[in-house]
């Protein structure tokens, strides 16, 4: 089955959105201390990248 470029891009967007949602639902199931560590790690990564 061949898809046009436009429909492939739409499909990729939908898939990536679903993956992000899955990621967030997994995060919300984690205990609070893990969430804090994860958020701190994310902030540190952003700081590291931007400096």
Protein backbone atom coordinates (compact mmCIF):
# COMPACT_ATOMS: atom_id res chain seq x y z
CA UNK A 1 0.00 0.00 0.00
CA UNK A 2 1.54 3.28 -1.13
CA UNK A 3 0.70 6.50 0.61
CA UNK A 4 1.24 10.02 -0.63
CA UNK A 5 3.87 12.10 1.15
CA UNK A 6 1.18 14.25 2.78
CA UNK A 7 -0.74 11.30 4.22
CA UNK A 8 2.50 9.71 5.43
CA UNK A 9 3.36 12.92 7.31
CA UNK A 10 -0.12 13.01 8.86
CA UNK A 11 0.22 9.39 9.91
CA UNK A 12 3.66 10.04 11.42
CA UNK A 13 2.25 12.98 13.41
CA UNK A 14 -0.62 10.86 14.75
CA UNK A 15 1.73 8.03 15.71
CA UNK A 16 4.19 10.35 17.47
CA UNK A 17 1.31 12.04 19.32
CA UNK A 18 0.07 8.64 20.50
CA UNK A 19 3.57 7.68 21.64
CA UNK A 20 3.86 10.93 23.62
CA UNK A 21 0.48 10.26 25.26
CA UNK A 22 1.63 6.74 26.17
CA UNK A 23 4.81 8.20 27.63
CA UNK A 24 2.84 10.63 29.80
CA UNK A 25 0.42 7.93 31.00
CA UNK A 26 3.39 5.77 32.00
CA UNK A 27 4.87 8.75 33.85
CA UNK A 28 1.64 9.46 35.70
CA UNK A 29 1.62 5.89 37.01
CA UNK A 30 5.09 6.28 38.55
CA UNK A 31 5.49 7.08 42.24
CA UNK A 32 6.09 10.73 43.17
CA UNK A 33 9.81 10.36 43.95
CA UNK A 34 10.46 8.94 40.47
CA UNK A 35 8.52 11.80 38.89
CA UNK A 36 10.61 14.35 40.78
CA UNK A 37 13.86 12.67 39.70
CA UNK A 38 12.64 12.45 36.11
CA UNK A 39 11.61 16.14 36.03
CA UNK A 40 14.89 17.23 37.62
CA UNK A 41 16.80 15.16 35.07
CA UNK A 42 14.81 16.75 32.25
CA UNK A 43 15.48 20.27 33.54
CA UNK A 44 19.20 19.51 33.90
CA UNK A 45 19.31 18.18 30.33
CA UNK A 46 17.63 21.34 29.01
CA UNK A 47 20.04 23.53 30.99
CA UNK A 48 22.97 21.50 29.65
CA UNK A 49 21.78 21.80 26.05
CA UNK A 50 21.04 25.53 26.19
CA UNK A 51 24.33 26.54 27.85
